[in-house]
Amino acid sequence: MAKATARWSGHKVKFDIESASGHTAAIDEAPVFGDDEAMRPTEMLLGALAGCTGMNAVLLLKKFKQLEITFVTAWDGKHDKESVEKAIDLACNRYCPIHATLSHGTKIEHRHKDTH
């Protein structure tokens, strides 16, 4: 199971996020609530969706021997249209856990842990 911890930085609404794999990121908001020092939480979520789907599409297209791609909204004509459509469909609807979470929902629990 994936795990991440968000810790308040102590300043306005900026949070530092650390994953179980040891990587870090930050989130913030625009003034007046924040200082615009990091991505918005919604931007991070959309970035996670785009990145996850993109990774899976690239891996599938490599498997299908379609190695040179431009994954924006179309391709440059050097690729088999059916393979591209299949890879994008699989990447979005079968292999991307972010897409599955957003499209099918997941149970989210909120807990409070007092550290004192």
C-alpha atoms as a PDB file:
ATOM      1  CA  MET A   1       0.000   0.000   0.000  1.00  0.00           C
ATOM      2  CA  ALA A   2       1.300   3.442  -0.898  1.00  0.00           C
ATOM      3  CA  LYS A   3       1.882   5.804   1.971  1.00  0.00           C
ATOM      4  CA  ALA A   4       2.629   9.503   2.211  1.00  0.00           C
ATOM      5  CA  THR A   5       2.752  11.898   5.128  1.00  0.00           C
ATOM      6  CA  ALA A   6       1.819  15.588   4.894  1.00  0.00           C
ATOM      7  CA  ARG A   7       3.342  17.784   7.589  1.00  0.00           C
ATOM      8  CA  TRP A   8       2.387  21.388   8.103  1.00  0.00           C
ATOM      9  CA  SER A   9       5.442  23.600   7.583  1.00  0.00           C
ATOM     10  CA  GLY A  10       4.314  25.925  10.368  1.00  0.00           C
ATOM     11  CA  HIS A  11       3.749  28.783   7.951  1.00  0.00           C
ATOM     12  CA  LYS A  12       0.358  29.707   6.460  1.00  0.00           C
ATOM     13  CA  VAL A  13      -0.959  26.663   4.530  1.00  0.00           C
ATOM     14  CA  LYS A  14       2.265  25.163   3.167  1.00  0.00           C
ATOM     15  CA  PHE A  15       2.661  21.420   3.718  1.00  0.00           C
ATOM     16  CA  ASP A  16       5.711  19.235   3.152  1.00  0.00           C
ATOM     17  CA  ILE A  17       4.899  15.790   1.831  1.00  0.00           C
ATOM     18  CA  GLU A  18       7.127  12.752   2.251  1.00  0.00           C
ATOM     19  CA  SER A  19       6.499   9.386   0.660  1.00  0.00           C
ATOM     20  CA  ALA A  20       7.340   6.020   2.158  1.00  0.00           C
ATOM     21  CA  SER A  21       9.947   5.705  -0.617  1.00  0.00           C
ATOM     22  CA  GLY A  22      11.755   8.740   0.805  1.00  0.00           C
ATOM     23  CA  HIS A  23      10.855  11.350  -1.789  1.00  0.00           C
ATOM     24  CA  THR A  24       9.508  14.782  -0.928  1.00  0.00           C
ATOM     25  CA  ALA A  25       7.263  17.441  -2.403  1.00  0.00           C
ATOM     26  CA  ALA A  26       5.393  20.463  -1.126  1.00  0.00           C
ATOM     27  CA  ILE A  27       1.987  22.037  -1.571  1.00  0.00           C
ATOM     28  CA  ASP A  28       0.876  25.613  -1.007  1.00  0.00           C
ATOM     29  CA  GLU A  29      -1.773  28.075  -2.101  1.00  0.00           C
ATOM     30  CA  ALA A  30      -1.694  31.512  -3.636  1.00  0.00           C
ATOM     31  CA  PRO A  31      -1.814  34.598  -1.409  1.00  0.00           C
ATOM     32  CA  VAL A  32      -3.580  35.474   0.887  1.00  0.00           C
ATOM     33  CA  PHE A  33      -3.853  31.961   2.275  1.00  0.00           C
ATOM     34  CA  GLY A  34      -0.381  30.866   1.172  1.00  0.00           C
ATOM     35  CA  ASP A  35       2.810  32.284  -0.303  1.00  0.00           C
ATOM     36  CA  ASP A  36       2.686  30.533  -3.698  1.00  0.00           C
ATOM     37  CA  GLU A  37       5.813  28.486  -2.861  1.00  0.00           C
ATOM     38  CA  ALA A  38       4.630  25.156  -4.298  1.00  0.00           C
ATOM     39  CA  MET A  39       2.011  23.419  -6.404  1.00  0.00           C
ATOM     40  CA  ARG A  40      -1.599  23.489  -5.380  1.00  0.00           C
ATOM     41  CA  PRO A  41      -2.950  20.139  -4.088  1.00  0.00           C
ATOM     42  CA  THR A  42      -5.264  19.915  -7.111  1.00  0.00           C
ATOM     43  CA  GLU A  43      -2.326  20.515  -9.477  1.00  0.00           C
ATOM     44  CA  MET A  44      -0.370  17.745  -7.756  1.00  0.00           C
ATOM     45  CA  LEU A  45      -3.324  15.385  -8.131  1.00  0.00           C
ATOM     46  CA  LEU A  46      -3.707  16.191 -11.836  1.00  0.00           C
ATOM     47  CA  GLY A  47       0.049  15.851 -12.298  1.00  0.00           C
ATOM     48  CA  ALA A  48      -0.055  12.431 -10.643  1.00  0.00           C
ATOM     49  CA  LEU A  49      -2.831  11.366 -13.005  1.00  0.00           C
ATOM     50  CA  ALA A  50      -1.006  12.677 -16.088  1.00  0.00           C
ATOM     51  CA  GLY A  51       2.300  11.172 -15.011  1.00  0.00           C
ATOM     52  CA  CYS A  52       0.870   7.782 -14.094  1.00  0.00           C
ATOM     53  CA  THR A  53      -1.101   7.500 -17.323  1.00  0.00           C
ATOM     54  CA  GLY A  54       1.875   8.737 -19.345  1.00  0.00           C
ATOM     55  CA  MET A  55       4.277   6.223 -17.777  1.00  0.00           C
ATOM     56  CA  ASN A  56       1.956   3.343 -18.506  1.00  0.00           C
ATOM     57  CA  ALA A  57       1.327   4.505 -22.083  1.00  0.00           C
ATOM     58  CA  VAL A  58       5.078   4.771 -22.736  1.00  0.00           C
ATOM     59  CA  LEU A  59       5.741   1.309 -21.276  1.00  0.00           C
ATOM     60  CA  LEU A  60       2.917  -0.237 -23.306  1.00  0.00           C
ATOM     61  CA  LEU A  61       3.966   1.492 -26.517  1.00  0.00           C
ATOM     62  CA  LYS A  62       7.521   0.204 -26.026  1.00  0.00           C
ATOM     63  CA  LYS A  63       6.083  -3.287 -25.543  1.00  0.00           C
ATOM     64  CA  PHE A  64       4.086  -2.849 -28.765  1.00  0.00           C
ATOM     65  CA  LYS A  65       7.349  -1.779 -30.514  1.00  0.00           C
ATOM     66  CA  GLN A  66       6.025   1.751 -30.988  1.00  0.00           C
ATOM     67  CA  LEU A  67       9.080   3.525 -29.572  1.00  0.00           C
ATOM     68  CA  GLU A  68       8.865   7.089 -30.859  1.00  0.00           C
ATOM     69  CA  ILE A  69       5.767   8.814 -29.491  1.00  0.00           C
ATOM     70  CA  THR A  70       4.454  12.242 -28.742  1.00  0.00           C
ATOM     71  CA  PHE A  71       1.875  11.760 -26.013  1.00  0.00           C
ATOM     72  CA  VAL A  72      -0.029  15.023 -26.074  1.00  0.00           C
ATOM     73  CA  THR A  73      -3.322  14.637 -27.883  1.00  0.00           C
ATOM     74  CA  ALA A  74      -2.236  12.934 -31.084  1.00  0.00           C
ATOM     75  CA  TRP A  75       0.714  11.205 -32.726  1.00  0.00           C
ATOM     76  CA  ASP A  76       2.895  12.146 -35.671  1.00  0.00           C
ATOM     77  CA  GLY A  77       1.712   9.438 -38.075  1.00  0.00           C
ATOM     78  CA  LYS A  78       4.711   7.112 -37.603  1.00  0.00           C
ATOM     79  CA  HIS A  79       2.768   4.870 -35.250  1.00  0.00           C
ATOM     80  CA  ASP A  80       0.082   2.298 -35.714  1.00  0.00           C
ATOM     81  CA  LYS A  81      -3.158   4.058 -34.742  1.00  0.00           C
ATOM     82  CA  GLU A  82      -4.687   0.900 -33.272  1.00  0.00           C
ATOM     83  CA  SER A  83      -1.633   0.232 -31.059  1.00  0.00           C
ATOM     84  CA  VAL A  84      -1.618   3.830 -29.810  1.00  0.00           C
ATOM     85  CA  GLU A  85      -5.323   3.758 -28.998  1.00  0.00           C
ATOM     86  CA  LYS A  86      -4.962   0.373 -27.267  1.00  0.00           C
ATOM     87  CA  ALA A  87      -1.965   1.533 -25.218  1.00  0.00           C
ATOM     88  CA  ILE A  88      -3.692   4.724 -24.115  1.00  0.00           C
ATOM     89  CA  ASP A  89      -6.868   2.819 -23.255  1.00  0.00           C
ATOM     90  CA  LEU A  90      -4.941   0.237 -21.204  1.00  0.00           C
ATOM     91  CA  ALA A  91      -2.785   2.905 -19.557  1.00  0.00           C
ATOM     92  CA  CYS A  92      -5.811   4.905 -18.484  1.00  0.00           C
ATOM     93  CA  ASN A  93      -8.352   2.215 -17.719  1.00  0.00           C
ATOM     94  CA  ARG A  94      -6.340  -0.789 -16.582  1.00  0.00           C
ATOM     95  CA  TYR A  95      -2.873   0.070 -15.286  1.00  0.00           C
ATOM     96  CA  CYS A  96      -3.067   3.528 -13.711  1.00  0.00           C
ATOM     97  CA  PRO A  97      -4.001   3.390 -10.007  1.00  0.00           C
ATOM     98  CA  ILE A  98      -4.508   7.167  -9.949  1.00  0.00           C
ATOM     99  CA  HIS A  99      -7.067   6.923 -12.758  1.00  0.00           C
ATOM    100  CA  ALA A 100      -8.809   4.022 -11.006  1.00  0.00           C
ATOM    101  CA  THR A 101      -8.942   5.927  -7.732  1.00  0.00           C
ATOM    102  CA  LEU A 102     -10.387   9.049  -9.326  1.00  0.00           C
ATOM    103  CA  SER A 103     -12.842   7.307 -11.642  1.00  0.00           C
ATOM    104  CA  HIS A 104     -14.068   4.529  -9.321  1.00  0.00           C
ATOM    105  CA  GLY A 105     -13.505   6.132  -5.998  1.00  0.00           C
ATOM    106  CA  THR A 106     -11.798   4.758  -2.980  1.00  0.00           C
ATOM    107  CA  LYS A 107     -12.645   4.694   0.684  1.00  0.00           C
ATOM    108  CA  ILE A 108     -10.860   7.529   2.431  1.00  0.00           C
ATOM    109  CA  GLU A 109     -10.569   7.512   6.190  1.00  0.00           C
ATOM    110  CA  HIS A 110      -9.667  10.511   8.315  1.00  0.00           C
ATOM    111  CA  ARG A 111      -8.039   9.986  11.674  1.00  0.00           C
ATOM    112  CA  HIS A 112      -6.570  12.253  14.264  1.00  0.00           C
ATOM    113  CA  LYS A 113      -3.429  11.228  16.096  1.00  0.00           C
ATOM    114  CA  ASP A 114      -2.345  13.232  19.088  1.00  0.00           C
ATOM    115  CA  THR A 115       1.446  13.219  19.305  1.00  0.00           C
ATOM    116  CA  HIS A 116       1.608  14.530  22.874  1.00  0.00           C
END
